[in-house]
Amino acid sequence: MAVFGTVIDTYQAVGWALGLETPRYRAPACQLIRHEIERLGEAGKLPLLIIDEAHCLATTRIAGGDN
């Protein structure tokens, strides 16, 4: 998947992965994604969403490192 620059970029990528036409504003995008996940849950499907942003962690938090 693509590299994200902003929160809305992330929301748009998640919406795209769910097959949604995601709005350009955070609140409506978040609401649309939340409703789609709820709809999928009611249909007996629950998507697994993994957002890997480990590069944002301080090195001291990764595996107890002393860096």
PDB file of N, CA and C in Angstrom:
ATOM      1  N   MET A   1       0.839  -1.174   0.000  1.00  0.00           N
ATOM      2  CA  MET A   1       0.000   0.000   0.000  1.00  0.00           C
ATOM      3  C   MET A   1       0.885   1.238   0.000  1.00  0.00           C
ATOM      4  N   ALA A   2       0.312   2.387  -0.221  1.00  0.00           N
ATOM      5  CA  ALA A   2       1.047   3.639  -0.359  1.00  0.00           C
ATOM      6  C   ALA A   2       1.559   4.175   0.973  1.00  0.00           C
ATOM      7  N   VAL A   3       2.496   5.083   0.880  1.00  0.00           N
ATOM      8  CA  VAL A   3       2.987   5.807   2.047  1.00  0.00           C
ATOM      9  C   VAL A   3       2.037   6.961   2.302  1.00  0.00           C
ATOM     10  N   PHE A   4       1.691   7.175   3.565  1.00  0.00           N
ATOM     11  CA  PHE A   4       0.712   8.189   3.907  1.00  0.00           C
ATOM     12  C   PHE A   4       1.401   9.436   4.435  1.00  0.00           C
ATOM     13  N   GLY A   5       0.862  10.609   4.060  1.00  0.00           N
ATOM     14  CA  GLY A   5       1.424  11.856   4.538  1.00  0.00           C
ATOM     15  C   GLY A   5       0.580  12.492   5.622  1.00  0.00           C
ATOM     16  N   THR A   6      -0.730  12.371   5.515  1.00  0.00           N
ATOM     17  CA  THR A   6      -1.622  13.012   6.469  1.00  0.00           C
ATOM     18  C   THR A   6      -2.685  12.019   6.934  1.00  0.00           C
ATOM     19  N   VAL A   7      -3.435  12.434   7.935  1.00  0.00           N
ATOM     20  CA  VAL A   7      -4.528  11.600   8.441  1.00  0.00           C
ATOM     21  C   VAL A   7      -5.546  11.342   7.340  1.00  0.00           C
ATOM     22  N   ILE A   8      -5.898  12.365   6.587  1.00  0.00           N
ATOM     23  CA  ILE A   8      -6.896  12.179   5.532  1.00  0.00           C
ATOM     24  C   ILE A   8      -6.371  11.241   4.444  1.00  0.00           C
ATOM     25  N   ASP A   9      -5.066  11.261   4.177  1.00  0.00           N
ATOM     26  CA  ASP A   9      -4.490  10.295   3.228  1.00  0.00           C
ATOM     27  C   ASP A   9      -4.732   8.871   3.716  1.00  0.00           C
ATOM     28  N   THR A  10      -4.551   8.673   5.021  1.00  0.00           N
ATOM     29  CA  THR A  10      -4.779   7.347   5.615  1.00  0.00           C
ATOM     30  C   THR A  10      -6.243   6.967   5.498  1.00  0.00           C
ATOM     31  N   TYR A  11      -7.143   7.890   5.862  1.00  0.00           N
ATOM     32  CA  TYR A  11      -8.587   7.613   5.756  1.00  0.00           C
ATOM     33  C   TYR A  11      -8.973   7.287   4.321  1.00  0.00           C
ATOM     34  N   GLN A  12      -8.432   8.026   3.368  1.00  0.00           N
ATOM     35  CA  GLN A  12      -8.773   7.768   1.971  1.00  0.00           C
ATOM     36  C   GLN A  12      -8.262   6.409   1.513  1.00  0.00           C
ATOM     37  N   ALA A  13      -7.073   6.013   1.964  1.00  0.00           N
ATOM     38  CA  ALA A  13      -6.543   4.697   1.600  1.00  0.00           C
ATOM     39  C   ALA A  13      -7.377   3.579   2.219  1.00  0.00           C
ATOM     40  N   VAL A  14      -7.792   3.754   3.478  1.00  0.00           N
ATOM     41  CA  VAL A  14      -8.631   2.742   4.140  1.00  0.00           C
ATOM     42  C   VAL A  14      -9.981   2.675   3.434  1.00  0.00           C
ATOM     43  N   GLY A  15     -10.567   3.827   3.145  1.00  0.00           N
ATOM     44  CA  GLY A  15     -11.846   3.857   2.428  1.00  0.00           C
ATOM     45  C   GLY A  15     -11.739   3.181   1.073  1.00  0.00           C
ATOM     46  N   TRP A  16     -10.655   3.459   0.362  1.00  0.00           N
ATOM     47  CA  TRP A  16     -10.440   2.839  -0.945  1.00  0.00           C
ATOM     48  C   TRP A  16     -10.360   1.319  -0.811  1.00  0.00           C
ATOM     49  N   ALA A  17      -9.644   0.856   0.228  1.00  0.00           N
ATOM     50  CA  ALA A  17      -9.517  -0.589   0.447  1.00  0.00           C
ATOM     51  C   ALA A  17     -10.868  -1.229   0.762  1.00  0.00           C
ATOM     52  N   LEU A  18     -11.785  -0.460   1.342  1.00  0.00           N
ATOM     53  CA  LEU A  18     -13.132  -0.960   1.643  1.00  0.00           C
ATOM     54  C   LEU A  18     -14.101  -0.744   0.484  1.00  0.00           C
ATOM     55  N   GLY A  19     -13.609  -0.163  -0.605  1.00  0.00           N
ATOM     56  CA  GLY A  19     -14.456   0.067  -1.775  1.00  0.00           C
ATOM     57  C   GLY A  19     -15.328   1.306  -1.656  1.00  0.00           C
ATOM     58  N   LEU A  20     -14.898   2.276  -0.860  1.00  0.00           N
ATOM     59  CA  LEU A  20     -15.690   3.477  -0.623  1.00  0.00           C
ATOM     60  C   LEU A  20     -15.128   4.670  -1.392  1.00  0.00           C
ATOM     61  N   GLU A  21     -15.994   5.606  -1.695  1.00  0.00           N
ATOM     62  CA  GLU A  21     -15.592   6.899  -2.241  1.00  0.00           C
ATOM     63  C   GLU A  21     -15.467   7.827  -1.034  1.00  0.00           C
ATOM     64  N   THR A  22     -14.262   7.983  -0.522  1.00  0.00           N
ATOM     65  CA  THR A  22     -14.039   8.664   0.750  1.00  0.00           C
ATOM     66  C   THR A  22     -13.990  10.181   0.572  1.00  0.00           C
ATOM     67  N   PRO A  23     -14.741  10.909   1.412  1.00  0.00           N
ATOM     68  CA  PRO A  23     -14.704  12.374   1.359  1.00  0.00           C
ATOM     69  C   PRO A  23     -13.319  12.922   1.705  1.00  0.00           C
ATOM     70  N   ARG A  24     -13.075  14.168   1.371  1.00  0.00           N
ATOM     71  CA  ARG A  24     -11.772  14.797   1.604  1.00  0.00           C
ATOM     72  C   ARG A  24     -11.623  15.379   3.000  1.00  0.00           C
ATOM     73  N   TYR A  25     -12.644  15.295   3.830  1.00  0.00           N
ATOM     74  CA  TYR A  25     -12.582  15.857   5.178  1.00  0.00           C
ATOM     75  C   TYR A  25     -12.593  14.731   6.200  1.00  0.00           C
ATOM     76  N   ARG A  26     -11.846  14.936   7.306  1.00  0.00           N
ATOM     77  CA  ARG A  26     -11.641  13.854   8.279  1.00  0.00           C
ATOM     78  C   ARG A  26     -12.919  13.332   8.912  1.00  0.00           C
ATOM     79  N   ALA A  27     -13.757  14.209   9.432  1.00  0.00           N
ATOM     80  CA  ALA A  27     -14.952  13.755  10.163  1.00  0.00           C
ATOM     81  C   ALA A  27     -15.878  12.917   9.283  1.00  0.00           C
ATOM     82  N   PRO A  28     -16.263  13.401   8.088  1.00  0.00           N
ATOM     83  CA  PRO A  28     -17.137  12.561   7.253  1.00  0.00           C
ATOM     84  C   PRO A  28     -16.456  11.279   6.778  1.00  0.00           C
ATOM     85  N   ALA A  29     -15.142  11.344   6.527  1.00  0.00           N
ATOM     86  CA  ALA A  29     -14.418  10.142   6.095  1.00  0.00           C
ATOM     87  C   ALA A  29     -14.416   9.105   7.207  1.00  0.00           C
ATOM     88  N   CYS A  30     -14.135   9.549   8.426  1.00  0.00           N
ATOM     89  CA  CYS A  30     -14.118   8.642   9.580  1.00  0.00           C
ATOM     90  C   CYS A  30     -15.500   8.027   9.791  1.00  0.00           C
ATOM     91  N   GLN A  31     -16.528   8.847   9.691  1.00  0.00           N
ATOM     92  CA  GLN A  31     -17.906   8.364   9.876  1.00  0.00           C
ATOM     93  C   GLN A  31     -18.274   7.338   8.803  1.00  0.00           C
ATOM     94  N   LEU A  32     -17.908   7.602   7.559  1.00  0.00           N
ATOM     95  CA  LEU A  32     -18.209   6.674   6.472  1.00  0.00           C
ATOM     96  C   LEU A  32     -17.502   5.337   6.681  1.00  0.00           C
ATOM     97  N   ILE A  33     -16.243   5.377   7.065  1.00  0.00           N
ATOM     98  CA  ILE A  33     -15.484   4.150   7.314  1.00  0.00           C
ATOM     99  C   ILE A  33     -16.082   3.383   8.485  1.00  0.00           C
ATOM    100  N   ARG A  34     -16.414   4.095   9.558  1.00  0.00           N
ATOM    101  CA  ARG A  34     -17.019   3.454  10.735  1.00  0.00           C
ATOM    102  C   ARG A  34     -18.335   2.765  10.362  1.00  0.00           C
ATOM    103  N   HIS A  35     -19.173   3.441   9.572  1.00  0.00           N
ATOM    104  CA  HIS A  35     -20.450   2.841   9.159  1.00  0.00           C
ATOM    105  C   HIS A  35     -20.238   1.599   8.286  1.00  0.00           C
ATOM    106  N   GLU A  36     -19.243   1.659   7.416  1.00  0.00           N
ATOM    107  CA  GLU A  36     -18.966   0.501   6.554  1.00  0.00           C
ATOM    108  C   GLU A  36     -18.481  -0.682   7.376  1.00  0.00           C
ATOM    109  N   ILE A  37     -17.625  -0.439   8.357  1.00  0.00           N
ATOM    110  CA  ILE A  37     -17.144  -1.525   9.218  1.00  0.00           C
ATOM    111  C   ILE A  37     -18.300  -2.096  10.033  1.00  0.00           C
ATOM    112  N   GLU A  38     -19.193  -1.237  10.532  1.00  0.00           N
ATOM    113  CA  GLU A  38     -20.376  -1.714  11.258  1.00  0.00           C
ATOM    114  C   GLU A  38     -21.271  -2.545  10.339  1.00  0.00           C
ATOM    115  N   ARG A  39     -21.460  -2.084   9.096  1.00  0.00           N
ATOM    116  CA  ARG A  39     -22.289  -2.814   8.130  1.00  0.00           C
ATOM    117  C   ARG A  39     -21.699  -4.188   7.849  1.00  0.00           C
ATOM    118  N   LEU A  40     -20.385  -4.239   7.669  1.00  0.00           N
ATOM    119  CA  LEU A  40     -19.727  -5.518   7.429  1.00  0.00           C
ATOM    120  C   LEU A  40     -19.871  -6.438   8.644  1.00  0.00           C
ATOM    121  N   GLY A  41     -19.765  -5.876   9.844  1.00  0.00           N
ATOM    122  CA  GLY A  41     -19.936  -6.669  11.064  1.00  0.00           C
ATOM    123  C   GLY A  41     -21.323  -7.253  11.168  1.00  0.00           C
ATOM    124  N   GLU A  42     -22.338  -6.469  10.809  1.00  0.00           N
ATOM    125  CA  GLU A  42     -23.716  -6.971  10.824  1.00  0.00           C
ATOM    126  C   GLU A  42     -23.935  -8.060   9.787  1.00  0.00           C
ATOM    127  N   ALA A  43     -23.139  -8.022   8.717  1.00  0.00           N
ATOM    128  CA  ALA A  43     -23.229  -9.037   7.666  1.00  0.00           C
ATOM    129  C   ALA A  43     -22.391 -10.275   7.993  1.00  0.00           C
ATOM    130  N   GLY A  44     -21.782 -10.288   9.192  1.00  0.00           N
ATOM    131  CA  GLY A  44     -20.985 -11.446   9.600  1.00  0.00           C
ATOM    132  C   GLY A  44     -19.550 -11.400   9.115  1.00  0.00           C
ATOM    133  N   LYS A  45     -19.119 -10.250   8.609  1.00  0.00           N
ATOM    134  CA  LYS A  45     -17.739 -10.096   8.142  1.00  0.00           C
ATOM    135  C   LYS A  45     -17.108  -8.977   8.959  1.00  0.00           C
ATOM    136  N   LEU A  46     -15.882  -9.171   9.357  1.00  0.00           N
ATOM    137  CA  LEU A  46     -15.180  -8.135  10.092  1.00  0.00           C
ATOM    138  C   LEU A  46     -13.801  -7.956   9.472  1.00  0.00           C
ATOM    139  N   PRO A  47     -13.567  -6.817   8.837  1.00  0.00           N
ATOM    140  CA  PRO A  47     -12.271  -6.608   8.189  1.00  0.00           C
ATOM    141  C   PRO A  47     -11.154  -6.463   9.218  1.00  0.00           C
ATOM    142  N   LEU A  48      -9.993  -6.901   8.848  1.00  0.00           N
ATOM    143  CA  LEU A  48      -8.806  -6.750   9.679  1.00  0.00           C
ATOM    144  C   LEU A  48      -8.007  -5.597   9.105  1.00  0.00           C
ATOM    145  N   LEU A  49      -7.797  -4.583   9.909  1.00  0.00           N
ATOM    146  CA  LEU A  49      -7.093  -3.388   9.474  1.00  0.00           C
ATOM    147  C   LEU A  49      -5.768  -3.296  10.231  1.00  0.00           C
ATOM    148  N   ILE A  50      -4.675  -3.324   9.490  1.00  0.00           N
ATOM    149  CA  ILE A  50      -3.358  -3.206  10.097  1.00  0.00           C
ATOM    150  C   ILE A  50      -2.700  -1.965   9.506  1.00  0.00           C
ATOM    151  N   ILE A  51      -2.372  -1.021  10.386  1.00  0.00           N
ATOM    152  CA  ILE A  51      -1.672   0.180   9.951  1.00  0.00           C
ATOM    153  C   ILE A  51      -0.300   0.137  10.604  1.00  0.00           C
ATOM    154  N   ASP A  52       0.702  -0.077   9.801  1.00  0.00           N
ATOM    155  CA  ASP A  52       2.065  -0.215  10.315  1.00  0.00           C
ATOM    156  C   ASP A  52       2.742   1.151  10.323  1.00  0.00           C
ATOM    157  N   GLU A  53       2.790   1.745  11.478  1.00  0.00           N
ATOM    158  CA  GLU A  53       3.460   3.032  11.647  1.00  0.00           C
ATOM    159  C   GLU A  53       4.573   2.908  12.684  1.00  0.00           C
ATOM    160  N   ALA A  54       5.184   1.742  12.767  1.00  0.00           N
ATOM    161  CA  ALA A  54       6.223   1.489  13.762  1.00  0.00           C
ATOM    162  C   ALA A  54       7.415   2.424  13.590  1.00  0.00           C
ATOM    163  N   HIS A  55       7.638   2.917  12.390  1.00  0.00           N
ATOM    164  CA  HIS A  55       8.760   3.830  12.177  1.00  0.00           C
ATOM    165  C   HIS A  55       8.582   5.141  12.955  1.00  0.00           C
ATOM    166  N   CYS A  56       7.382   5.406  13.449  1.00  0.00           N
ATOM    167  CA  CYS A  56       7.121   6.615  14.229  1.00  0.00           C
ATOM    168  C   CYS A  56       7.477   6.443  15.705  1.00  0.00           C
ATOM    169  N   LEU A  57       7.731   5.214  16.138  1.00  0.00           N
ATOM    170  CA  LEU A  57       8.080   4.964  17.530  1.00  0.00           C
ATOM    171  C   LEU A  57       9.520   5.381  17.808  1.00  0.00           C
ATOM    172  N   ALA A  58       9.746   5.853  19.012  1.00  0.00           N
ATOM    173  CA  ALA A  58      11.120   6.155  19.428  1.00  0.00           C
ATOM    174  C   ALA A  58      11.893   4.847  19.506  1.00  0.00           C
ATOM    175  N   THR A  59      13.146   4.865  19.162  1.00  0.00           N
ATOM    176  CA  THR A  59      13.936   3.623  19.165  1.00  0.00           C
ATOM    177  C   THR A  59      14.021   3.011  20.559  1.00  0.00           C
ATOM    178  N   THR A  60      13.879   3.799  21.613  1.00  0.00           N
ATOM    179  CA  THR A  60      13.937   3.242  22.963  1.00  0.00           C
ATOM    180  C   THR A  60      12.711   2.417  23.282  1.00  0.00           C
ATOM    181  N   ARG A  61      11.657   2.584  22.527  1.00  0.00           N
ATOM    182  CA  ARG A  61      10.435   1.813  22.763  1.00  0.00           C
ATOM    183  C   ARG A  61      10.398   0.507  21.986  1.00  0.00           C
ATOM    184  N   ILE A  62      11.284   0.346  21.043  1.00  0.00           N
ATOM    185  CA  ILE A  62      11.295  -0.862  20.228  1.00  0.00           C
ATOM    186  C   ILE A  62      12.181  -1.897  20.908  1.00  0.00           C
ATOM    187  N   ALA A  63      11.587  -2.983  21.337  1.00  0.00           N
ATOM    188  CA  ALA A  63      12.293  -4.115  21.958  1.00  0.00           C
ATOM    189  C   ALA A  63      13.201  -3.686  23.100  1.00  0.00           C
ATOM    190  N   GLY A  64      12.798  -2.648  23.830  1.00  0.00           N
ATOM    191  CA  GLY A  64      13.577  -2.236  24.986  1.00  0.00           C
ATOM    192  C   GLY A  64      14.970  -1.747  24.657  1.00  0.00           C
ATOM    193  N   GLY A  65      15.176  -1.272  23.432  1.00  0.00           N
ATOM    194  CA  GLY A  65      16.500  -0.819  23.015  1.00  0.00           C
ATOM    195  C   GLY A  65      17.006   0.362  23.813  1.00  0.00           C
ATOM    196  N   ASP A  66      18.289   0.525  23.866  1.00  0.00           N
ATOM    197  CA  ASP A  66      18.910   1.625  24.613  1.00  0.00           C
ATOM    198  C   ASP A  66      19.362   2.746  23.691  1.00  0.00           C
ATOM    199  N   ASN A  67      18.902   2.773  22.465  1.00  0.00           N
ATOM    200  CA  ASN A  67      19.346   3.791  21.491  1.00  0.00           C
ATOM    201  C   ASN A  67      18.802   5.138  21.809  1.00  0.00           C
TER     202      ASN A  67
END
